[in-house]
Amino acid sequence: MTKTDKAVEQLIEVVKQALQDGRATSSDLEEWLLAAILLEEMSLEEEHDRRDAGAYASWRGLLH
């Protein structure tokens, strides 16, 4: 699990608690949704970067 995945889980818990406590407004929900989308995009980028690094290492190993 990446740091971003953990951040998404924490965000979900904060949103759930705010909804249960009645502390969330529609504006809050919109901001949290946008934040969740951005975190998911970051997570996908991290995964892509890890795959690229592995592919580069394999490719580089073939040249040496």
PDB file of N, CA and C in Angstrom:
ATOM      1  N   MET A   1       0.848  -1.179   0.000  1.00  0.00           N
ATOM      2  CA  MET A   1       0.000   0.000   0.000  1.00  0.00           C
ATOM      3  C   MET A   1       0.892   1.240   0.000  1.00  0.00           C
ATOM      4  N   THR A   2       0.597   2.159  -0.900  1.00  0.00           N
ATOM      5  CA  THR A   2       1.403   3.373  -1.022  1.00  0.00           C
ATOM      6  C   THR A   2       0.938   4.437  -0.025  1.00  0.00           C
ATOM      7  N   LYS A   3       1.755   5.472   0.103  1.00  0.00           N
ATOM      8  CA  LYS A   3       1.381   6.595   0.961  1.00  0.00           C
ATOM      9  C   LYS A   3       0.090   7.225   0.473  1.00  0.00           C
ATOM     10  N   THR A   4      -0.060   7.304  -0.839  1.00  0.00           N
ATOM     11  CA  THR A   4      -1.267   7.901  -1.409  1.00  0.00           C
ATOM     12  C   THR A   4      -2.494   7.060  -1.080  1.00  0.00           C
ATOM     13  N   ASP A   5      -2.363   5.738  -1.165  1.00  0.00           N
ATOM     14  CA  ASP A   5      -3.479   4.866  -0.805  1.00  0.00           C
ATOM     15  C   ASP A   5      -3.895   5.094   0.642  1.00  0.00           C
ATOM     16  N   LYS A   6      -2.914   5.243   1.517  1.00  0.00           N
ATOM     17  CA  LYS A   6      -3.208   5.504   2.925  1.00  0.00           C
ATOM     18  C   LYS A   6      -3.907   6.847   3.090  1.00  0.00           C
ATOM     19  N   ALA A   7      -3.471   7.840   2.320  1.00  0.00           N
ATOM     20  CA  ALA A   7      -4.096   9.163   2.392  1.00  0.00           C
ATOM     21  C   ALA A   7      -5.552   9.100   1.948  1.00  0.00           C
ATOM     22  N   VAL A   8      -5.826   8.307   0.918  1.00  0.00           N
ATOM     23  CA  VAL A   8      -7.205   8.150   0.440  1.00  0.00           C
ATOM     24  C   VAL A   8      -8.049   7.499   1.537  1.00  0.00           C
ATOM     25  N   GLU A   9      -7.522   6.468   2.171  1.00  0.00           N
ATOM     26  CA  GLU A   9      -8.261   5.803   3.247  1.00  0.00           C
ATOM     27  C   GLU A   9      -8.539   6.768   4.393  1.00  0.00           C
ATOM     28  N   GLN A  10      -7.549   7.585   4.756  1.00  0.00           N
ATOM     29  CA  GLN A  10      -7.751   8.561   5.821  1.00  0.00           C
ATOM     30  C   GLN A  10      -8.813   9.586   5.427  1.00  0.00           C
ATOM     31  N   LEU A  11      -8.777  10.035   4.190  1.00  0.00           N
ATOM     32  CA  LEU A  11      -9.767  10.999   3.707  1.00  0.00           C
ATOM     33  C   LEU A  11     -11.167  10.402   3.791  1.00  0.00           C
ATOM     34  N   ILE A  12     -11.303   9.164   3.393  1.00  0.00           N
ATOM     35  CA  ILE A  12     -12.609   8.492   3.447  1.00  0.00           C
ATOM     36  C   ILE A  12     -13.110   8.440   4.886  1.00  0.00           C
ATOM     37  N   GLU A  13     -12.237   8.116   5.817  1.00  0.00           N
ATOM     38  CA  GLU A  13     -12.649   8.051   7.225  1.00  0.00           C
ATOM     39  C   GLU A  13     -13.073   9.410   7.753  1.00  0.00           C
ATOM     40  N   VAL A  14     -12.344  10.461   7.377  1.00  0.00           N
ATOM     41  CA  VAL A  14     -12.695  11.814   7.813  1.00  0.00           C
ATOM     42  C   VAL A  14     -14.066  12.200   7.265  1.00  0.00           C
ATOM     43  N   VAL A  15     -14.299  11.897   5.993  1.00  0.00           N
ATOM     44  CA  VAL A  15     -15.580  12.230   5.365  1.00  0.00           C
ATOM     45  C   VAL A  15     -16.709  11.453   6.038  1.00  0.00           C
ATOM     46  N   LYS A  16     -16.514  10.164   6.262  1.00  0.00           N
ATOM     47  CA  LYS A  16     -17.548   9.354   6.932  1.00  0.00           C
ATOM     48  C   LYS A  16     -17.903   9.942   8.288  1.00  0.00           C
ATOM     49  N   GLN A  17     -16.872  10.280   9.066  1.00  0.00           N
ATOM     50  CA  GLN A  17     -17.113  10.820  10.407  1.00  0.00           C
ATOM     51  C   GLN A  17     -17.839  12.161  10.330  1.00  0.00           C
ATOM     52  N   ALA A  18     -17.429  13.017   9.403  1.00  0.00           N
ATOM     53  CA  ALA A  18     -18.084  14.323   9.266  1.00  0.00           C
ATOM     54  C   ALA A  18     -19.538  14.167   8.860  1.00  0.00           C
ATOM     55  N   LEU A  19     -19.823  13.208   7.986  1.00  0.00           N
ATOM     56  CA  LEU A  19     -21.204  12.964   7.583  1.00  0.00           C
ATOM     57  C   LEU A  19     -22.033  12.441   8.751  1.00  0.00           C
ATOM     58  N   GLN A  20     -21.455  11.510   9.500  1.00  0.00           N
ATOM     59  CA  GLN A  20     -22.167  10.937  10.638  1.00  0.00           C
ATOM     60  C   GLN A  20     -22.437  11.977  11.717  1.00  0.00           C
ATOM     61  N   ASP A  21     -21.490  12.907  11.898  1.00  0.00           N
ATOM     62  CA  ASP A  21     -21.635  13.945  12.916  1.00  0.00           C
ATOM     63  C   ASP A  21     -22.452  15.137  12.442  1.00  0.00           C
ATOM     64  N   GLY A  22     -22.785  15.165  11.163  1.00  0.00           N
ATOM     65  CA  GLY A  22     -23.549  16.283  10.613  1.00  0.00           C
ATOM     66  C   GLY A  22     -22.715  17.539  10.436  1.00  0.00           C
ATOM     67  N   ARG A  23     -21.396  17.388  10.330  1.00  0.00           N
ATOM     68  CA  ARG A  23     -20.508  18.545  10.201  1.00  0.00           C
ATOM     69  C   ARG A  23     -20.167  18.865   8.755  1.00  0.00           C
ATOM     70  N   ALA A  24     -20.623  18.079   7.815  1.00  0.00           N
ATOM     71  CA  ALA A  24     -20.238  18.267   6.415  1.00  0.00           C
ATOM     72  C   ALA A  24     -21.302  19.058   5.656  1.00  0.00           C
ATOM     73  N   THR A  25     -20.834  20.039   4.888  1.00  0.00           N
ATOM     74  CA  THR A  25     -21.734  20.789   4.014  1.00  0.00           C
ATOM     75  C   THR A  25     -21.562  20.251   2.595  1.00  0.00           C
ATOM     76  N   SER A  26     -22.419  20.670   1.692  1.00  0.00           N
ATOM     77  CA  SER A  26     -22.279  20.229   0.303  1.00  0.00           C
ATOM     78  C   SER A  26     -20.965  20.730  -0.285  1.00  0.00           C
ATOM     79  N   SER A  27     -20.532  21.906   0.130  1.00  0.00           N
ATOM     80  CA  SER A  27     -19.254  22.446  -0.326  1.00  0.00           C
ATOM     81  C   SER A  27     -18.096  21.579   0.171  1.00  0.00           C
ATOM     82  N   ASP A  28     -18.176  21.137   1.428  1.00  0.00           N
ATOM     83  CA  ASP A  28     -17.151  20.243   1.982  1.00  0.00           C
ATOM     84  C   ASP A  28     -17.080  18.955   1.182  1.00  0.00           C
ATOM     85  N   LEU A  29     -18.234  18.397   0.892  1.00  0.00           N
ATOM     86  CA  LEU A  29     -18.271  17.140   0.145  1.00  0.00           C
ATOM     87  C   LEU A  29     -17.654  17.303  -1.241  1.00  0.00           C
ATOM     88  N   GLU A  30     -17.926  18.421  -1.886  1.00  0.00           N
ATOM     89  CA  GLU A  30     -17.356  18.682  -3.203  1.00  0.00           C
ATOM     90  C   GLU A  30     -15.830  18.777  -3.120  1.00  0.00           C
ATOM     91  N   GLU A  31     -15.329  19.495  -2.123  1.00  0.00           N
ATOM     92  CA  GLU A  31     -13.879  19.616  -1.951  1.00  0.00           C
ATOM     93  C   GLU A  31     -13.244  18.262  -1.662  1.00  0.00           C
ATOM     94  N   TRP A  32     -13.881  17.466  -0.820  1.00  0.00           N
ATOM     95  CA  TRP A  32     -13.336  16.150  -0.479  1.00  0.00           C
ATOM     96  C   TRP A  32     -13.350  15.222  -1.687  1.00  0.00           C
ATOM     97  N   LEU A  33     -14.372  15.329  -2.485  1.00  0.00           N
ATOM     98  CA  LEU A  33     -14.431  14.504  -3.688  1.00  0.00           C
ATOM     99  C   LEU A  33     -13.302  14.873  -4.648  1.00  0.00           C
ATOM    100  N   LEU A  34     -13.080  16.153  -4.843  1.00  0.00           N
ATOM    101  CA  LEU A  34     -11.979  16.596  -5.695  1.00  0.00           C
ATOM    102  C   LEU A  34     -10.629  16.150  -5.127  1.00  0.00           C
ATOM    103  N   ALA A  35     -10.479  16.233  -3.810  1.00  0.00           N
ATOM    104  CA  ALA A  35      -9.236  15.780  -3.181  1.00  0.00           C
ATOM    105  C   ALA A  35      -9.039  14.284  -3.390  1.00  0.00           C
ATOM    106  N   ALA A  36     -10.105  13.509  -3.257  1.00  0.00           N
ATOM    107  CA  ALA A  36     -10.014  12.059  -3.463  1.00  0.00           C
ATOM    108  C   ALA A  36      -9.608  11.743  -4.906  1.00  0.00           C
ATOM    109  N   ILE A  37     -10.158  12.480  -5.842  1.00  0.00           N
ATOM    110  CA  ILE A  37      -9.807  12.270  -7.253  1.00  0.00           C
ATOM    111  C   ILE A  37      -8.330  12.577  -7.478  1.00  0.00           C
ATOM    112  N   LEU A  38      -7.861  13.676  -6.918  1.00  0.00           N
ATOM    113  CA  LEU A  38      -6.448  14.036  -7.067  1.00  0.00           C
ATOM    114  C   LEU A  38      -5.539  12.997  -6.423  1.00  0.00           C
ATOM    115  N   LEU A  39      -5.927  12.514  -5.245  1.00  0.00           N
ATOM    116  CA  LEU A  39      -5.129  11.483  -4.577  1.00  0.00           C
ATOM    117  C   LEU A  39      -5.090  10.198  -5.401  1.00  0.00           C
ATOM    118  N   GLU A  40      -6.206   9.845  -5.997  1.00  0.00           N
ATOM    119  CA  GLU A  40      -6.244   8.648  -6.835  1.00  0.00           C
ATOM    120  C   GLU A  40      -5.337   8.821  -8.046  1.00  0.00           C
ATOM    121  N   GLU A  41      -5.356  10.003  -8.646  1.00  0.00           N
ATOM    122  CA  GLU A  41      -4.475  10.272  -9.783  1.00  0.00           C
ATOM    123  C   GLU A  41      -3.016  10.182  -9.363  1.00  0.00           C
ATOM    124  N   MET A  42      -2.696  10.697  -8.172  1.00  0.00           N
ATOM    125  CA  MET A  42      -1.329  10.609  -7.670  1.00  0.00           C
ATOM    126  C   MET A  42      -0.923   9.156  -7.455  1.00  0.00           C
ATOM    127  N   SER A  43      -1.837   8.372  -6.945  1.00  0.00           N
ATOM    128  CA  SER A  43      -1.568   6.949  -6.710  1.00  0.00           C
ATOM    129  C   SER A  43      -1.274   6.237  -8.024  1.00  0.00           C
ATOM    130  N   LEU A  44      -2.059   6.538  -9.042  1.00  0.00           N
ATOM    131  CA  LEU A  44      -1.836   5.922 -10.354  1.00  0.00           C
ATOM    132  C   LEU A  44      -0.493   6.349 -10.939  1.00  0.00           C
ATOM    133  N   GLU A  45      -0.125   7.614 -10.736  1.00  0.00           N
ATOM    134  CA  GLU A  45       1.164   8.100 -11.214  1.00  0.00           C
ATOM    135  C   GLU A  45       2.317   7.406 -10.487  1.00  0.00           C
ATOM    136  N   GLU A  46       2.176   7.207  -9.162  1.00  0.00           N
ATOM    137  CA  GLU A  46       3.196   6.498  -8.402  1.00  0.00           C
ATOM    138  C   GLU A  46       3.381   5.078  -8.933  1.00  0.00           C
ATOM    139  N   GLU A  47       2.268   4.418  -9.192  1.00  0.00           N
ATOM    140  CA  GLU A  47       2.321   3.051  -9.714  1.00  0.00           C
ATOM    141  C   GLU A  47       3.001   3.031 -11.085  1.00  0.00           C
ATOM    142  N   HIS A  48       2.642   3.973 -11.922  1.00  0.00           N
ATOM    143  CA  HIS A  48       3.242   4.070 -13.258  1.00  0.00           C
ATOM    144  C   HIS A  48       4.746   4.317 -13.154  1.00  0.00           C
ATOM    145  N   ASP A  49       5.142   5.213 -12.254  1.00  0.00           N
ATOM    146  CA  ASP A  49       6.563   5.506 -12.066  1.00  0.00           C
ATOM    147  C   ASP A  49       7.332   4.278 -11.590  1.00  0.00           C
ATOM    148  N   ARG A  50       6.729   3.496 -10.690  1.00  0.00           N
ATOM    149  CA  ARG A  50       7.381   2.275 -10.208  1.00  0.00           C
ATOM    150  C   ARG A  50       7.577   1.285 -11.354  1.00  0.00           C
ATOM    151  N   ARG A  51       6.543   1.135 -12.186  1.00  0.00           N
ATOM    152  CA  ARG A  51       6.667   0.220 -13.328  1.00  0.00           C
ATOM    153  C   ARG A  51       7.725   0.706 -14.307  1.00  0.00           C
ATOM    154  N   ASP A  52       7.744   2.010 -14.562  1.00  0.00           N
ATOM    155  CA  ASP A  52       8.756   2.566 -15.470  1.00  0.00           C
ATOM    156  C   ASP A  52      10.166   2.350 -14.925  1.00  0.00           C
ATOM    157  N   ALA A  53      10.338   2.534 -13.625  1.00  0.00           N
ATOM    158  CA  ALA A  53      11.656   2.351 -13.015  1.00  0.00           C
ATOM    159  C   ALA A  53      12.102   0.899 -13.150  1.00  0.00           C
ATOM    160  N   GLY A  54      11.180  -0.027 -12.951  1.00  0.00           N
ATOM    161  CA  GLY A  54      11.512  -1.441 -13.101  1.00  0.00           C
ATOM    162  C   GLY A  54      11.858  -1.791 -14.534  1.00  0.00           C
ATOM    163  N   ALA A  55      11.108  -1.235 -15.473  1.00  0.00           N
ATOM    164  CA  ALA A  55      11.375  -1.491 -16.889  1.00  0.00           C
ATOM    165  C   ALA A  55      12.719  -0.894 -17.288  1.00  0.00           C
ATOM    166  N   TYR A  56      13.001   0.294 -16.791  1.00  0.00           N
ATOM    167  CA  TYR A  56      14.285   0.938 -17.095  1.00  0.00           C
ATOM    168  C   TYR A  56      15.442   0.105 -16.549  1.00  0.00           C
ATOM    169  N   ALA A  57      15.290  -0.378 -15.304  1.00  0.00           N
ATOM    170  CA  ALA A  57      16.354  -1.187 -14.707  1.00  0.00           C
ATOM    171  C   ALA A  57      16.579  -2.456 -15.521  1.00  0.00           C
ATOM    172  N   SER A  58      15.507  -3.088 -15.983  1.00  0.00           N
ATOM    173  CA  SER A  58      15.644  -4.297 -16.801  1.00  0.00           C
ATOM    174  C   SER A  58      16.307  -3.973 -18.125  1.00  0.00           C
ATOM    175  N   TRP A  59      15.889  -2.896 -18.745  1.00  0.00           N
ATOM    176  CA  TRP A  59      16.438  -2.482 -20.036  1.00  0.00           C
ATOM    177  C   TRP A  59      17.916  -2.134 -19.893  1.00  0.00           C
ATOM    178  N   ARG A  60      18.244  -1.412 -18.830  1.00  0.00           N
ATOM    179  CA  ARG A  60      19.631  -1.006 -18.590  1.00  0.00           C
ATOM    180  C   ARG A  60      20.499  -2.236 -18.349  1.00  0.00           C
ATOM    181  N   GLY A  61      19.956  -3.219 -17.646  1.00  0.00           N
ATOM    182  CA  GLY A  61      20.693  -4.443 -17.386  1.00  0.00           C
ATOM    183  C   GLY A  61      21.028  -5.201 -18.670  1.00  0.00           C
ATOM    184  N   LEU A  62      20.165  -5.084 -19.659  1.00  0.00           N
ATOM    185  CA  LEU A  62      20.420  -5.756 -20.936  1.00  0.00           C
ATOM    186  C   LEU A  62      21.561  -5.113 -21.701  1.00  0.00           C
ATOM    187  N   LEU A  63      21.766  -3.818 -21.475  1.00  0.00           N
ATOM    188  CA  LEU A  63      22.820  -3.093 -22.202  1.00  0.00           C
ATOM    189  C   LEU A  63      24.195  -3.312 -21.613  1.00  0.00           C
ATOM    190  N   HIS A  64      24.245  -3.719 -20.364  1.00  0.00           N
ATOM    191  CA  HIS A  64      25.558  -3.874 -19.707  1.00  0.00           C
ATOM    192  C   HIS A  64      25.978  -5.280 -19.591  1.00  0.00           C
TER     193      HIS A  64
END
